[in-house]
């Protein structure tokens, strides 16, 4: 297959929708197809498989610990009362004063 024919084939595949992993229709961009082909050529199928995403947690651990402490302190706290908390303060006693219903 010539380079021109391969380019035509990749464009044709990118133009179509395909059934995704859960049956929903998906469309793959030409850039993704080109990246997968380059990976396959350099390292076989293992290189073509995308690396798992490494997402860092958006909420700092101190804030999560404070939220757990607040919930333990007062289980019936409303959402509105929780939103009024100054999350920059890490002292549970400072934050919990006056919030429990």
C-alpha atoms as a PDB file:
ATOM      1  CA  UNK A   1       0.000   0.000   0.000  1.00  0.00           C
ATOM      2  CA  UNK A   2       1.424   3.359  -0.958  1.00  0.00           C
ATOM      3  CA  UNK A   3       1.738   6.355   1.359  1.00  0.00           C
ATOM      4  CA  UNK A   4      -1.016   8.127  -0.554  1.00  0.00           C
ATOM      5  CA  UNK A   5      -3.335   5.125  -0.223  1.00  0.00           C
ATOM      6  CA  UNK A   6      -2.653   4.829   3.508  1.00  0.00           C
ATOM      7  CA  UNK A   7      -3.409   8.540   3.956  1.00  0.00           C
ATOM      8  CA  UNK A   8      -6.690   8.134   2.103  1.00  0.00           C
ATOM      9  CA  UNK A   9      -7.594   5.104   4.235  1.00  0.00           C
ATOM     10  CA  UNK A  10      -6.829   6.919   7.513  1.00  0.00           C
ATOM     11  CA  UNK A  11      -8.929   9.906   6.429  1.00  0.00           C
ATOM     12  CA  UNK A  12     -11.812   7.581   5.520  1.00  0.00           C
ATOM     13  CA  UNK A  13     -11.644   5.822   8.903  1.00  0.00           C
ATOM     14  CA  UNK A  14     -11.526   9.185  10.722  1.00  0.00           C
ATOM     15  CA  UNK A  15     -14.614  10.411   8.858  1.00  0.00           C
ATOM     16  CA  UNK A  16     -16.810   7.529  10.067  1.00  0.00           C
ATOM     17  CA  UNK A  17     -18.408   6.842  13.422  1.00  0.00           C
ATOM     18  CA  UNK A  18     -17.673   3.503  15.063  1.00  0.00           C
ATOM     19  CA  UNK A  19     -19.264   1.625  17.957  1.00  0.00           C
ATOM     20  CA  UNK A  20     -17.359   2.478  21.138  1.00  0.00           C
ATOM     21  CA  UNK A  21     -16.513   0.126  24.003  1.00  0.00           C
ATOM     22  CA  UNK A  22     -20.006   0.429  25.490  1.00  0.00           C
ATOM     23  CA  UNK A  23     -21.883   0.518  22.192  1.00  0.00           C
ATOM     24  CA  UNK A  24     -22.142   4.298  21.944  1.00  0.00           C
ATOM     25  CA  UNK A  25     -21.022   5.793  18.647  1.00  0.00           C
ATOM     26  CA  UNK A  26     -17.568   7.393  18.714  1.00  0.00           C
ATOM     27  CA  UNK A  27     -15.506   9.228  16.150  1.00  0.00           C
ATOM     28  CA  UNK A  28     -11.716   9.057  16.227  1.00  0.00           C
ATOM     29  CA  UNK A  29      -9.719  12.019  14.969  1.00  0.00           C
ATOM     30  CA  UNK A  30      -7.084  11.721  12.292  1.00  0.00           C
ATOM     31  CA  UNK A  31      -4.469  12.937  14.777  1.00  0.00           C
ATOM     32  CA  UNK A  32      -5.345  10.075  17.159  1.00  0.00           C
ATOM     33  CA  UNK A  33      -5.182   7.528  14.368  1.00  0.00           C
ATOM     34  CA  UNK A  34      -1.810   8.884  13.242  1.00  0.00           C
ATOM     35  CA  UNK A  35      -0.501   8.740  16.844  1.00  0.00           C
ATOM     36  CA  UNK A  36      -1.688   5.136  17.241  1.00  0.00           C
ATOM     37  CA  UNK A  37      -0.122   4.119  13.931  1.00  0.00           C
ATOM     38  CA  UNK A  38       3.215   5.741  14.870  1.00  0.00           C
ATOM     39  CA  UNK A  39       3.138   3.964  18.236  1.00  0.00           C
ATOM     40  CA  UNK A  40       2.348   0.631  16.608  1.00  0.00           C
ATOM     41  CA  UNK A  41       5.193   1.037  14.123  1.00  0.00           C
ATOM     42  CA  UNK A  42       7.741   1.885  16.801  1.00  0.00           C
ATOM     43  CA  UNK A  43       6.815  -0.620  19.501  1.00  0.00           C
ATOM     44  CA  UNK A  44       4.001  -2.877  18.388  1.00  0.00           C
ATOM     45  CA  UNK A  45       0.574  -3.132  19.978  1.00  0.00           C
ATOM     46  CA  UNK A  46       1.851  -2.401  23.502  1.00  0.00           C
ATOM     47  CA  UNK A  47       3.191   0.980  22.344  1.00  0.00           C
ATOM     48  CA  UNK A  48      -0.095   1.835  20.605  1.00  0.00           C
ATOM     49  CA  UNK A  49      -2.154   1.383  23.785  1.00  0.00           C
ATOM     50  CA  UNK A  50      -2.540   4.751  25.544  1.00  0.00           C
ATOM     51  CA  UNK A  51      -0.893   5.182  28.932  1.00  0.00           C
ATOM     52  CA  UNK A  52      -3.313   5.362  31.866  1.00  0.00           C
ATOM     53  CA  UNK A  53      -4.180   8.880  32.948  1.00  0.00           C
ATOM     54  CA  UNK A  54      -2.411  10.169  36.026  1.00  0.00           C
ATOM     55  CA  UNK A  55      -4.677  12.784  37.521  1.00  0.00           C
ATOM     56  CA  UNK A  56      -3.650  14.411  40.751  1.00  0.00           C
ATOM     57  CA  UNK A  57      -6.417  15.083  43.259  1.00  0.00           C
ATOM     58  CA  UNK A  58      -7.745  18.623  42.951  1.00  0.00           C
ATOM     59  CA  UNK A  59      -8.680  18.939  46.616  1.00  0.00           C
ATOM     60  CA  UNK A  60      -5.764  19.146  49.072  1.00  0.00           C
ATOM     61  CA  UNK A  61      -5.609  16.373  51.663  1.00  0.00           C
ATOM     62  CA  UNK A  62      -5.880  18.897  54.516  1.00  0.00           C
ATOM     63  CA  UNK A  63      -9.238  20.125  53.209  1.00  0.00           C
ATOM     64  CA  UNK A  64     -10.556  16.568  52.877  1.00  0.00           C
ATOM     65  CA  UNK A  65      -9.454  15.761  56.426  1.00  0.00           C
ATOM     66  CA  UNK A  66     -11.158  18.923  57.670  1.00  0.00           C
ATOM     67  CA  UNK A  67     -14.383  17.985  55.866  1.00  0.00           C
ATOM     68  CA  UNK A  68     -14.338  14.530  57.477  1.00  0.00           C
ATOM     69  CA  UNK A  69     -13.722  16.074  60.900  1.00  0.00           C
ATOM     70  CA  UNK A  70     -16.595  18.516  60.381  1.00  0.00           C
ATOM     71  CA  UNK A  71     -18.935  15.735  59.334  1.00  0.00           C
ATOM     72  CA  UNK A  72     -17.995  13.673  62.397  1.00  0.00           C
ATOM     73  CA  UNK A  73     -18.456  16.710  64.646  1.00  0.00           C
ATOM     74  CA  UNK A  74     -21.941  17.512  63.379  1.00  0.00           C
ATOM     75  CA  UNK A  75     -23.633  14.947  61.155  1.00  0.00           C
ATOM     76  CA  UNK A  76     -26.653  17.142  60.348  1.00  0.00           C
ATOM     77  CA  UNK A  77     -24.744  20.123  58.948  1.00  0.00           C
ATOM     78  CA  UNK A  78     -26.511  21.538  55.907  1.00  0.00           C
ATOM     79  CA  UNK A  79     -24.870  22.061  52.564  1.00  0.00           C
ATOM     80  CA  UNK A  80     -25.263  25.828  52.914  1.00  0.00           C
ATOM     81  CA  UNK A  81     -23.517  25.769  56.297  1.00  0.00           C
ATOM     82  CA  UNK A  82     -20.696  23.680  54.842  1.00  0.00           C
ATOM     83  CA  UNK A  83     -20.264  26.154  52.004  1.00  0.00           C
ATOM     84  CA  UNK A  84     -19.792  28.972  54.506  1.00  0.00           C
ATOM     85  CA  UNK A  85     -16.715  27.285  56.011  1.00  0.00           C
ATOM     86  CA  UNK A  86     -13.387  29.050  55.526  1.00  0.00           C
ATOM     87  CA  UNK A  87     -11.521  26.038  54.149  1.00  0.00           C
ATOM     88  CA  UNK A  88      -8.176  27.854  54.391  1.00  0.00           C
ATOM     89  CA  UNK A  89      -8.334  27.473  58.183  1.00  0.00           C
ATOM     90  CA  UNK A  90      -7.141  24.032  59.214  1.00  0.00           C
ATOM     91  CA  UNK A  91      -8.184  24.346  62.858  1.00  0.00           C
ATOM     92  CA  UNK A  92     -11.334  22.255  63.287  1.00  0.00           C
ATOM     93  CA  UNK A  93     -12.405  24.140  66.428  1.00  0.00           C
ATOM     94  CA  UNK A  94     -12.287  27.484  64.601  1.00  0.00           C
ATOM     95  CA  UNK A  95     -14.331  26.168  61.702  1.00  0.00           C
ATOM     96  CA  UNK A  96     -16.957  24.231  63.661  1.00  0.00           C
ATOM     97  CA  UNK A  97     -17.991  27.037  65.982  1.00  0.00           C
ATOM     98  CA  UNK A  98     -21.626  27.913  65.330  1.00  0.00           C
ATOM     99  CA  UNK A  99     -22.161  25.619  62.339  1.00  0.00           C
ATOM    100  CA  UNK A 100     -23.957  22.729  63.998  1.00  0.00           C
ATOM    101  CA  UNK A 101     -27.739  22.989  63.851  1.00  0.00           C
END
